[in-house]
Amino acid sequence: MDKTYFTSEELELKNRAFLLGDAVKVSFFVRNSRLIMDEECYFFLMASMRKMRMNIPLTYTLEFFQTLFNEKVIQQKGVTDGIINFLVYRNSDGITLSKSTISYFFEVDEMDDVLNVHQRPLELDLIKEINVNNNLLSNIRVHCPENIYAGIYAQENDLDDVILLNPNKRIARSTSGNLLFLEGNIIKVPKHSEGAYISPLLENFVTYLHKNNLADIQEHEIIAFESQKAEEILMISDEKGIFSVGKIRNKTFENARFTALVEGWKSSFSN
């Protein structure tokens, strides 16, 4: 994990992210020493801040973030491949919260290639004690105690992650990303209205598949049992990367077809 950067020297006085979880997080991606999908990530950040009624500075342009990450991450730190997890939080200095200034913090997780499928397949299971909401804020990365509880549950049960359901007992997502279910030539993805994250990384991948007629992409309401019917399962996490799912309970899954599709997607990016 790379060093972190702050925009304020008085975090303990104003950091509502620490005090109240008043923050949103979006990932940016570095590949071969350059930003990829930066425009999509930028617009997702702006949309997330608007949903949280944050006061977006006029300086927060796409060029601002391109310059920031090129200078601080790629040039100064020499990062060639990695994920920049960018957190923006509200300060306590305005007449009203919507008028308060905002500050940011980010950290970099370096890896071989952000578009690689991680070598070790994940073991998942369903968690039924809790569920995640499917409202306006469920699709963005904000403070979520359900993720914390589920993450501890996964650790205590020797799992890599868990599948979270919505109040209708349908699949929403995992704690860290979205799930794609491959059956024949069909890839099923939970709808955003089911509680799935909005993900620039996933949207870029499925757009590539659709444009090249490589799979039939379908947004679905997916009941928990359908996870056992899939031939392959892929998890795409803007925060952590791309993973194949190898096992859910007693069912094991292959990963060759999804891996081949991701390899084709990688080759579509110019080096």
Protein backbone atom coordinates (compact mmCIF):
# COMPACT_ATOMS: atom_id res chain seq x y z
CA MET A 1 0.00 0.00 0.00
CA ASP A 2 1.44 3.35 -1.01
CA LYS A 3 1.62 6.41 1.22
CA THR A 4 -1.47 8.52 1.66
CA TYR A 5 -2.13 12.18 0.91
CA PHE A 6 -4.28 14.70 2.70
CA THR A 7 -5.55 18.17 1.84
CA SER A 8 -5.88 19.32 5.44
CA GLU A 9 -3.50 19.41 8.41
CA GLU A 10 -6.42 19.52 10.85
CA LEU A 11 -8.17 16.28 10.03
CA GLU A 12 -9.04 15.60 13.65
CA LEU A 13 -11.07 18.83 13.77
CA LYS A 14 -13.03 18.66 10.55
CA ASN A 15 -13.01 15.12 9.22
CA ARG A 16 -16.68 14.09 9.07
CA ALA A 17 -15.60 10.90 7.30
CA PHE A 18 -13.97 9.82 10.55
CA LEU A 19 -16.71 11.16 12.80
CA LEU A 20 -19.85 10.32 10.82
CA GLY A 21 -18.92 8.39 7.69
CA ASP A 22 -19.82 11.48 5.65
CA ALA A 23 -17.76 10.59 2.57
CA VAL A 24 -17.87 8.92 -0.81
CA LYS A 25 -15.21 6.81 -2.49
CA VAL A 26 -14.41 6.21 -6.15
CA SER A 27 -11.50 4.33 -7.72
CA PHE A 28 -9.21 5.48 -10.52
CA PHE A 29 -7.02 3.07 -12.46
CA VAL A 30 -3.37 3.23 -13.53
CA ARG A 31 -2.18 0.84 -16.23
CA ASN A 32 1.19 0.97 -17.99
CA SER A 33 1.95 4.30 -16.26
CA ARG A 34 -1.16 6.06 -17.48
CA LEU A 35 -4.73 6.58 -16.30
CA ILE A 36 -7.40 4.47 -17.99
CA MET A 37 -11.17 5.01 -17.84
CA ASP A 38 -10.42 8.30 -16.10
CA GLU A 39 -13.37 10.12 -17.67
CA GLU A 40 -15.85 7.43 -16.57
CA CYS A 41 -14.39 7.41 -13.05
CA TYR A 42 -14.49 11.20 -12.87
CA PHE A 43 -18.16 11.42 -13.86
CA PHE A 44 -19.00 8.68 -11.35
CA LEU A 45 -17.26 10.71 -8.63
CA MET A 46 -19.24 13.82 -9.57
CA ALA A 47 -22.52 11.85 -9.57
CA SER A 48 -21.69 10.29 -6.19
CA MET A 49 -20.92 13.69 -4.65
CA ARG A 50 -24.17 15.13 -6.01
CA LYS A 51 -26.15 12.25 -4.48
CA MET A 52 -24.56 13.04 -1.11
CA ARG A 53 -25.40 16.75 -1.57
CA MET A 54 -21.73 17.72 -1.41
CA ASN A 55 -20.46 21.16 -2.38
CA ILE A 56 -18.37 20.31 -5.45
CA PRO A 57 -15.46 22.75 -5.92
CA LEU A 58 -15.16 24.48 -9.28
CA THR A 59 -11.57 23.19 -9.40
CA TYR A 60 -12.79 19.57 -9.53
CA THR A 61 -12.43 19.16 -13.26
CA LEU A 62 -11.28 16.09 -15.13
CA GLU A 63 -7.98 17.86 -15.83
CA PHE A 64 -7.51 18.48 -12.10
CA PHE A 65 -7.61 14.76 -11.33
CA GLN A 66 -5.52 13.83 -14.34
CA THR A 67 -2.81 16.25 -13.21
CA LEU A 68 -3.07 15.21 -9.56
CA PHE A 69 -2.66 11.50 -10.21
CA ASN A 70 -0.06 11.89 -12.93
CA GLU A 71 2.11 14.03 -10.66
CA LYS A 72 1.54 12.42 -7.25
CA VAL A 73 1.13 8.77 -8.24
CA ILE A 74 2.72 8.06 -11.62
CA GLN A 75 5.63 10.52 -11.62
CA GLN A 76 6.55 11.03 -7.95
CA LYS A 77 5.85 7.49 -6.76
CA GLY A 78 6.62 5.67 -9.99
CA VAL A 79 3.42 3.61 -9.93
CA THR A 80 3.00 1.78 -13.23
CA ASP A 81 -0.07 -0.35 -12.38
CA GLY A 82 -2.53 0.03 -9.55
CA ILE A 83 -5.85 1.22 -8.18
CA ILE A 84 -6.20 4.69 -6.66
CA ASN A 85 -8.97 4.64 -4.04
CA PHE A 86 -10.05 8.27 -3.76
CA LEU A 87 -12.15 9.39 -0.78
CA VAL A 88 -13.80 12.81 -0.62
CA TYR A 89 -15.35 13.97 2.65
CA ARG A 90 -17.29 16.92 3.99
CA ASN A 91 -15.79 19.41 6.44
CA SER A 92 -17.70 21.13 9.27
CA ASP A 93 -17.11 24.73 8.26
CA GLY A 94 -20.25 25.81 6.43
CA ILE A 95 -23.43 27.55 7.55
CA THR A 96 -25.20 24.42 6.35
CA LEU A 97 -23.77 21.02 5.51
CA SER A 98 -24.50 21.47 1.83
CA LYS A 99 -22.38 24.65 1.89
CA SER A 100 -19.45 23.10 3.77
CA THR A 101 -16.14 22.68 1.99
CA ILE A 102 -14.81 19.26 1.13
CA SER A 103 -11.39 17.64 1.39
CA TYR A 104 -9.92 14.48 -0.03
CA PHE A 105 -7.68 11.57 0.81
CA PHE A 106 -6.38 8.80 -1.40
CA GLU A 107 -4.24 5.69 -1.29
CA VAL A 108 -2.75 3.51 -4.00
CA ASP A 109 -2.84 -0.27 -4.17
CA GLU A 110 -0.15 -1.39 -6.60
CA MET A 111 -0.58 -4.60 -8.61
CA ASP A 112 0.77 -6.24 -11.76
CA ASP A 113 -2.14 -5.21 -13.99
CA VAL A 114 -5.47 -3.82 -12.83
CA LEU A 115 -7.18 -5.74 -15.65
CA ASN A 116 -5.73 -9.13 -14.73
CA VAL A 117 -7.94 -11.78 -13.20
CA HIS A 118 -6.32 -12.58 -9.85
CA GLN A 119 -4.79 -16.03 -9.94
CA ARG A 120 -6.46 -17.54 -6.87
CA PRO A 121 -10.22 -18.11 -7.29
CA LEU A 122 -12.38 -16.91 -4.43
CA GLU A 123 -14.52 -18.95 -2.08
CA LEU A 124 -17.84 -17.25 -1.30
CA ASP A 125 -21.02 -18.00 0.56
CA LEU A 126 -24.36 -16.31 1.12
CA ILE A 127 -25.00 -14.35 4.29
CA LYS A 128 -28.60 -14.20 5.47
CA GLU A 129 -28.37 -12.44 8.85
CA ILE A 130 -28.19 -9.02 7.18
CA ASN A 131 -29.12 -7.50 3.84
CA VAL A 132 -28.25 -4.36 1.91
CA ASN A 133 -30.64 -1.67 0.77
CA ASN A 134 -31.54 -0.96 -2.84
CA ASN A 135 -32.16 2.79 -2.75
CA LEU A 136 -30.43 5.81 -4.31
CA LEU A 137 -27.36 5.58 -2.08
CA SER A 138 -26.93 1.81 -2.31
CA ASN A 139 -25.24 2.08 -5.71
CA ILE A 140 -22.39 4.36 -4.61
CA ARG A 141 -19.51 3.63 -2.25
CA VAL A 142 -20.47 5.27 1.02
CA HIS A 143 -20.14 4.14 4.63
CA CYS A 144 -21.86 0.75 4.90
CA PRO A 145 -21.85 -1.12 8.25
CA GLU A 146 -23.25 -4.16 6.43
CA ASN A 147 -19.95 -4.44 4.54
CA ILE A 148 -18.00 -4.38 7.81
CA TYR A 149 -20.17 -7.03 9.45
CA ALA A 150 -20.09 -9.23 6.35
CA GLY A 151 -16.33 -8.84 6.02
CA ILE A 152 -15.81 -10.07 9.58
CA TYR A 153 -18.26 -12.92 8.96
CA ALA A 154 -16.22 -13.96 5.91
CA GLN A 155 -12.96 -13.94 7.88
CA GLU A 156 -14.41 -15.94 10.75
CA ASN A 157 -15.74 -18.57 8.34
CA ASP A 158 -12.56 -18.84 6.23
CA LEU A 159 -14.22 -17.22 3.21
CA ASP A 160 -12.81 -14.67 0.80
CA ASP A 161 -16.06 -12.72 0.58
CA VAL A 162 -19.81 -13.15 0.93
CA ILE A 163 -22.81 -12.57 -1.29
CA LEU A 164 -25.16 -9.93 0.08
CA LEU A 165 -28.89 -10.06 -0.59
CA ASN A 166 -31.36 -7.17 -0.74
CA PRO A 167 -34.58 -7.02 1.36
CA ASN A 168 -36.33 -9.08 -1.34
CA LYS A 169 -33.82 -11.90 -0.79
CA ARG A 170 -32.28 -11.42 -4.22
CA ILE A 171 -28.59 -11.06 -5.00
CA ALA A 172 -27.27 -7.50 -4.75
CA ARG A 173 -23.46 -7.79 -4.69
CA SER A 174 -20.52 -8.92 -2.58
CA THR A 175 -18.97 -6.71 0.08
CA SER A 176 -16.40 -5.29 -2.34
CA GLY A 177 -17.83 -5.64 -5.84
CA ASN A 178 -20.38 -6.86 -8.34
CA LEU A 179 -20.99 -10.41 -9.52
CA LEU A 180 -21.45 -11.63 -13.10
CA PHE A 181 -23.00 -15.04 -13.74
CA LEU A 182 -22.17 -16.92 -16.95
CA GLU A 183 -24.65 -19.50 -18.31
CA GLY A 184 -24.06 -20.59 -21.90
CA ASN A 185 -23.72 -17.38 -23.92
CA ILE A 186 -25.63 -15.30 -21.35
CA ILE A 187 -24.00 -13.16 -18.68
CA LYS A 188 -26.44 -12.13 -15.96
CA VAL A 189 -25.70 -9.06 -13.88
CA PRO A 190 -27.82 -7.85 -10.92
CA LYS A 191 -29.62 -4.59 -11.67
CA HIS A 192 -28.61 -1.39 -9.91
CA SER A 193 -32.14 -1.32 -8.52
CA GLU A 194 -31.30 -4.57 -6.73
CA GLY A 195 -28.51 -2.92 -4.73
CA ALA A 196 -25.55 -3.53 -7.05
CA TYR A 197 -22.77 -0.96 -7.15
CA ILE A 198 -22.37 1.42 -10.06
CA SER A 199 -18.96 0.40 -11.39
CA PRO A 200 -17.01 2.09 -14.20
CA LEU A 201 -14.79 -1.00 -14.38
CA LEU A 202 -17.72 -3.37 -14.85
CA GLU A 203 -19.51 -1.07 -17.27
CA ASN A 204 -16.42 -0.81 -19.46
CA PHE A 205 -16.08 -4.61 -19.51
CA VAL A 206 -19.71 -5.37 -20.40
CA THR A 207 -19.71 -2.59 -23.02
CA TYR A 208 -16.72 -4.27 -24.67
CA LEU A 209 -18.51 -7.64 -24.64
CA HIS A 210 -21.70 -6.16 -26.06
CA LYS A 211 -20.03 -4.16 -28.83
CA ASN A 212 -18.07 -7.20 -29.97
CA ASN A 213 -21.03 -9.62 -29.70
CA LEU A 214 -19.08 -11.83 -27.33
CA ALA A 215 -21.94 -12.47 -24.92
CA ASP A 216 -25.59 -11.66 -24.29
CA ILE A 217 -25.50 -9.23 -21.35
CA GLN A 218 -28.70 -9.28 -19.31
CA GLU A 219 -29.55 -7.26 -16.21
CA HIS A 220 -31.62 -9.46 -13.93
CA GLU A 221 -33.31 -9.89 -10.62
CA ILE A 222 -31.37 -12.93 -9.44
CA ILE A 223 -32.55 -15.15 -6.61
CA ALA A 224 -29.92 -16.66 -4.35
CA PHE A 225 -30.32 -20.20 -5.74
CA GLU A 226 -29.32 -19.05 -9.22
CA SER A 227 -25.74 -18.64 -8.05
CA GLN A 228 -25.58 -22.44 -7.99
CA LYS A 229 -26.77 -22.71 -11.61
CA ALA A 230 -23.98 -20.59 -13.11
CA GLU A 231 -21.14 -22.21 -15.03
CA GLU A 232 -18.70 -19.44 -14.12
CA ILE A 233 -18.85 -16.40 -11.83
CA LEU A 234 -16.71 -13.28 -12.03
CA MET A 235 -16.41 -10.60 -9.35
CA ILE A 236 -15.41 -7.11 -10.48
CA SER A 237 -14.39 -4.73 -7.71
CA ASP A 238 -13.39 -1.17 -8.49
CA GLU A 239 -11.62 -1.15 -5.12
CA LYS A 240 -9.69 -4.44 -5.38
CA GLY A 241 -9.67 -5.69 -8.97
CA ILE A 242 -11.04 -8.67 -10.90
CA PHE A 243 -11.52 -12.14 -9.42
CA SER A 244 -12.97 -15.45 -10.53
CA VAL A 245 -15.19 -17.29 -8.06
CA GLY A 246 -14.09 -20.87 -7.55
CA LYS A 247 -16.54 -22.13 -4.94
CA ILE A 248 -19.86 -21.32 -3.29
CA ARG A 249 -20.73 -23.88 -0.63
CA ASN A 250 -20.37 -27.30 -2.28
CA LYS A 251 -20.51 -26.02 -5.86
CA THR A 252 -17.26 -25.37 -7.72
CA PHE A 253 -16.96 -23.22 -10.83
CA GLU A 254 -14.67 -23.06 -13.85
CA ASN A 255 -13.01 -19.81 -14.92
CA ALA A 256 -11.59 -20.41 -18.43
CA ARG A 257 -14.25 -18.55 -20.42
CA PHE A 258 -14.39 -15.46 -18.25
CA THR A 259 -10.59 -15.36 -18.15
CA ALA A 260 -10.48 -15.48 -21.96
CA LEU A 261 -13.07 -12.68 -22.20
CA VAL A 262 -11.06 -10.51 -19.81
CA GLU A 263 -7.88 -11.17 -21.80
CA GLY A 264 -9.63 -9.97 -24.95
CA TRP A 265 -10.85 -6.90 -23.12
CA LYS A 266 -7.29 -6.15 -21.95
CA SER A 267 -6.01 -6.31 -25.51
CA SER A 268 -8.55 -3.65 -26.53
CA PHE A 269 -6.60 -1.06 -24.49
CA SER A 270 -3.70 0.47 -26.37
CA ASN A 271 -0.38 0.08 -24.56
